[in-house]
């Protein structure tokens, strides 16, 4: 029994180290954004998402309401550059609304590339990941600590210097990194609307 517990703890620690290492690597790769930043943006994103059975091994349909508190550090670029890079730090709250009520929350780090050649309409792409904690007891996803990664496309609309918002769609993957078996993934799409806020 002691040996079994020891083996399980060793396995858990290895998987937690993998998740933390991934987050750390993404943060270090983004350290240049902090060194050359020209400004910070704060944003609130709201929307909803749904996993799709059969998409990348997903076996359950899970629907969420999504709230994301986001800090963006914009990296300086050449004077006449038509795009910019930035680093996103996010705290998401995913409220599971179906098949039952629960929640997921954690920390994400993303890289974002935005085309700035037009002052009013600016498309962008992003990619990254992080870690999640959840109390959701979804069949096949047996761990409360899970890893996540995703990618998205969006459009920022600059109405004026004081009012900016965005519309984006994301692919969102959640699994427990084999911390515990079974480890069925949840692959979802999300649609989010973002609003800049002043802090």
Protein backbone atom coordinates (compact mmCIF):
# COMPACT_ATOMS: atom_id res chain seq x y z
CA UNK A 1 0.00 0.00 0.00
CA UNK A 2 2.81 2.43 0.91
CA UNK A 3 4.60 1.63 -2.35
CA UNK A 4 1.40 2.24 -4.32
CA UNK A 5 0.89 5.66 -2.69
CA UNK A 6 4.54 6.52 -3.30
CA UNK A 7 4.24 5.61 -7.00
CA UNK A 8 1.04 7.64 -7.38
CA UNK A 9 2.58 10.69 -5.71
CA UNK A 10 5.66 10.42 -7.92
CA UNK A 11 3.44 10.28 -11.02
CA UNK A 12 1.41 13.28 -9.85
CA UNK A 13 4.53 15.31 -9.17
CA UNK A 14 5.98 14.56 -12.60
CA UNK A 15 2.80 15.73 -14.32
CA UNK A 16 2.53 18.87 -12.17
CA UNK A 17 6.16 19.66 -12.99
CA UNK A 18 5.37 19.27 -16.72
CA UNK A 19 2.45 21.70 -16.47
CA UNK A 20 4.44 24.24 -14.45
CA UNK A 21 7.42 23.92 -16.80
CA UNK A 22 5.20 24.63 -19.80
CA UNK A 23 3.81 27.77 -18.14
CA UNK A 24 7.33 28.87 -17.14
CA UNK A 25 8.73 28.34 -20.66
CA UNK A 26 5.88 30.38 -22.18
CA UNK A 27 6.54 33.14 -19.65
CA UNK A 28 10.29 33.17 -20.32
CA UNK A 29 9.75 33.22 -24.08
CA UNK A 30 7.62 36.28 -23.53
CA UNK A 31 10.08 38.11 -21.29
CA UNK A 32 11.10 40.36 -24.16
CA UNK A 33 7.64 41.89 -24.07
CA UNK A 34 8.27 43.15 -20.57
CA UNK A 35 11.67 44.59 -21.48
CA UNK A 36 10.42 46.63 -24.46
CA UNK A 37 6.83 47.34 -23.53
CA UNK A 38 5.21 50.56 -24.67
CA UNK A 39 2.00 50.18 -22.74
CA UNK A 40 -0.29 47.84 -20.87
CA UNK A 41 -3.92 47.09 -21.61
CA UNK A 42 -6.48 45.54 -19.30
CA UNK A 43 -9.46 43.76 -20.76
CA UNK A 44 -12.51 41.75 -19.69
CA UNK A 45 -13.68 39.02 -22.09
CA UNK A 46 -17.10 37.37 -21.83
CA UNK A 47 -18.63 34.63 -23.91
CA UNK A 48 -19.50 30.96 -24.08
CA UNK A 49 -18.04 27.69 -25.24
CA UNK A 50 -18.90 24.09 -25.98
CA UNK A 51 -16.96 20.86 -26.37
CA UNK A 52 -17.75 18.58 -29.31
CA UNK A 53 -18.05 14.81 -29.05
CA UNK A 54 -15.58 13.09 -31.39
CA UNK A 55 -13.33 16.14 -31.74
CA UNK A 56 -9.83 14.96 -30.77
CA UNK A 57 -11.10 12.19 -28.50
CA UNK A 58 -13.74 14.31 -26.71
CA UNK A 59 -16.47 12.07 -25.25
CA UNK A 60 -18.66 14.58 -23.37
CA UNK A 61 -20.57 17.69 -24.43
CA UNK A 62 -19.71 20.39 -21.89
CA UNK A 63 -21.11 23.92 -22.21
CA UNK A 64 -19.62 26.92 -20.41
CA UNK A 65 -20.06 30.60 -19.75
CA UNK A 66 -16.62 32.20 -19.89
CA UNK A 67 -15.22 35.23 -18.07
CA UNK A 68 -11.56 36.15 -18.62
CA UNK A 69 -9.62 38.91 -16.89
CA UNK A 70 -6.72 39.75 -19.22
CA UNK A 71 -3.57 41.87 -18.92
CA UNK A 72 -1.79 42.66 -22.20
CA UNK A 73 1.79 43.88 -22.39
CA UNK A 74 2.44 45.33 -25.84
CA UNK A 75 5.95 44.97 -27.19
CA UNK A 76 7.43 47.98 -28.96
CA UNK A 77 7.85 47.66 -32.72
CA UNK A 78 9.52 49.55 -35.55
CA UNK A 79 8.10 53.02 -36.23
CA UNK A 80 6.34 52.10 -39.48
CA UNK A 81 5.56 48.49 -38.58
CA UNK A 82 2.23 47.11 -39.76
CA UNK A 83 1.93 44.64 -36.90
CA UNK A 84 2.74 44.31 -33.21
CA UNK A 85 3.42 41.50 -30.76
CA UNK A 86 2.16 41.28 -27.22
CA UNK A 87 2.11 39.01 -24.20
CA UNK A 88 -1.19 38.11 -22.52
CA UNK A 89 -1.61 37.03 -18.91
CA UNK A 90 -5.11 35.73 -18.18
CA UNK A 91 -7.20 34.55 -15.27
CA UNK A 92 -10.17 32.65 -16.75
CA UNK A 93 -13.33 31.57 -14.98
CA UNK A 94 -15.31 28.94 -16.87
CA UNK A 95 -18.78 28.34 -15.41
CA UNK A 96 -19.97 24.89 -16.51
CA UNK A 97 -23.69 25.16 -17.31
CA UNK A 98 -24.25 21.73 -18.85
CA UNK A 99 -24.43 18.84 -18.24
CA UNK A 100 -24.47 20.22 -14.64
CA UNK A 101 -23.14 23.20 -12.68
CA UNK A 102 -19.48 23.52 -11.69
CA UNK A 103 -16.50 25.72 -12.51
CA UNK A 104 -12.93 25.81 -13.84
CA UNK A 105 -10.36 28.53 -13.13
CA UNK A 106 -6.61 28.96 -13.54
CA UNK A 107 -3.87 30.96 -15.25
CA UNK A 108 -3.07 31.29 -18.97
CA UNK A 109 -0.19 32.88 -20.86
CA UNK A 110 -0.58 33.68 -24.55
CA UNK A 111 1.38 35.29 -27.38
CA UNK A 112 -0.62 37.64 -29.62
CA UNK A 113 0.19 39.00 -33.08
CA UNK A 114 -1.94 41.92 -34.29
CA UNK A 115 -2.05 43.64 -37.70
CA UNK A 116 -2.13 47.41 -37.10
CA UNK A 117 -2.09 48.82 -40.64
CA UNK A 118 -5.71 49.98 -40.23
CA UNK A 119 -6.55 52.26 -37.27
CA UNK A 120 -10.13 50.99 -36.88
CA UNK A 121 -10.09 47.25 -37.72
CA UNK A 122 -7.17 45.14 -36.52
CA UNK A 123 -7.20 41.34 -36.94
CA UNK A 124 -5.07 39.22 -34.61
CA UNK A 125 -4.05 35.67 -33.78
CA UNK A 126 -3.01 34.18 -30.44
CA UNK A 127 -1.61 30.93 -29.05
CA UNK A 128 -0.71 29.71 -25.56
CA UNK A 129 -1.79 27.67 -22.59
CA UNK A 130 -1.72 27.25 -18.83
CA UNK A 131 -3.22 25.32 -15.94
CA UNK A 132 -6.73 24.86 -14.56
CA UNK A 133 -8.32 23.78 -11.32
CA UNK A 134 -11.86 22.46 -11.40
CA UNK A 135 -14.48 20.86 -9.20
CA UNK A 136 -16.21 19.44 -12.28
CA UNK A 137 -16.78 15.69 -12.06
CA UNK A 138 -16.95 15.09 -15.81
CA UNK A 139 -16.79 11.37 -16.72
CA UNK A 140 -13.40 10.46 -18.18
CA UNK A 141 -11.66 13.59 -16.82
CA UNK A 142 -10.62 12.37 -13.44
CA UNK A 143 -8.25 15.03 -12.05
CA UNK A 144 -9.06 18.37 -10.43
CA UNK A 145 -5.77 19.85 -11.74
CA UNK A 146 -5.62 20.02 -15.52
CA UNK A 147 -3.55 21.55 -18.26
CA UNK A 148 -4.88 23.61 -21.12
CA UNK A 149 -3.72 25.04 -24.41
CA UNK A 150 -5.43 26.96 -27.15
CA UNK A 151 -5.29 29.18 -30.20
CA UNK A 152 -7.56 31.85 -31.55
CA UNK A 153 -8.38 34.44 -34.17
CA UNK A 154 -9.99 37.78 -33.49
CA UNK A 155 -10.77 41.29 -34.65
CA UNK A 156 -10.21 44.42 -32.57
CA UNK A 157 -12.49 47.37 -33.33
CA UNK A 158 -11.20 50.78 -32.29
CA UNK A 159 -14.23 53.06 -32.13
CA UNK A 160 -12.12 55.85 -30.62
CA UNK A 161 -9.16 56.13 -28.26
CA UNK A 162 -11.40 55.55 -25.24
CA UNK A 163 -13.60 52.76 -26.58
CA UNK A 164 -12.13 49.57 -28.01
CA UNK A 165 -13.58 46.10 -28.12
CA UNK A 166 -12.80 42.76 -29.73
CA UNK A 167 -14.56 39.69 -31.07
CA UNK A 168 -12.65 36.41 -31.11
CA UNK A 169 -13.03 32.68 -31.42
CA UNK A 170 -10.74 30.17 -29.73
CA UNK A 171 -9.96 26.48 -29.83
CA UNK A 172 -9.58 25.32 -26.20
CA UNK A 173 -8.10 21.97 -25.09
CA UNK A 174 -8.31 20.65 -21.52
CA UNK A 175 -6.80 17.40 -20.21
CA UNK A 176 -5.04 16.27 -17.05
CA UNK A 177 -1.70 15.42 -18.68
CA UNK A 178 -2.02 11.78 -17.51
CA UNK A 179 -1.92 12.84 -13.85
CA UNK A 180 -4.74 10.39 -13.30
CA UNK A 181 -6.54 7.80 -15.39
CA UNK A 182 -8.86 8.04 -17.29
CA UNK A 183 -7.74 11.16 -19.17
CA UNK A 184 -10.38 11.96 -21.80
CA UNK A 185 -9.75 15.43 -23.29
CA UNK A 186 -12.25 18.23 -23.68
CA UNK A 187 -11.80 20.06 -26.99
CA UNK A 188 -14.00 23.12 -27.27
CA UNK A 189 -14.61 26.22 -29.31
CA UNK A 190 -15.28 29.53 -27.59
CA UNK A 191 -16.69 32.83 -28.81
CA UNK A 192 -15.61 35.83 -26.75
CA UNK A 193 -16.29 39.56 -26.74
CA UNK A 194 -13.65 41.73 -25.07
CA UNK A 195 -13.80 45.23 -23.65
CA UNK A 196 -10.84 47.39 -22.65
CA UNK A 197 -11.00 48.66 -19.08
CA UNK A 198 -8.99 51.34 -17.31
CA UNK A 199 -7.17 50.38 -14.10
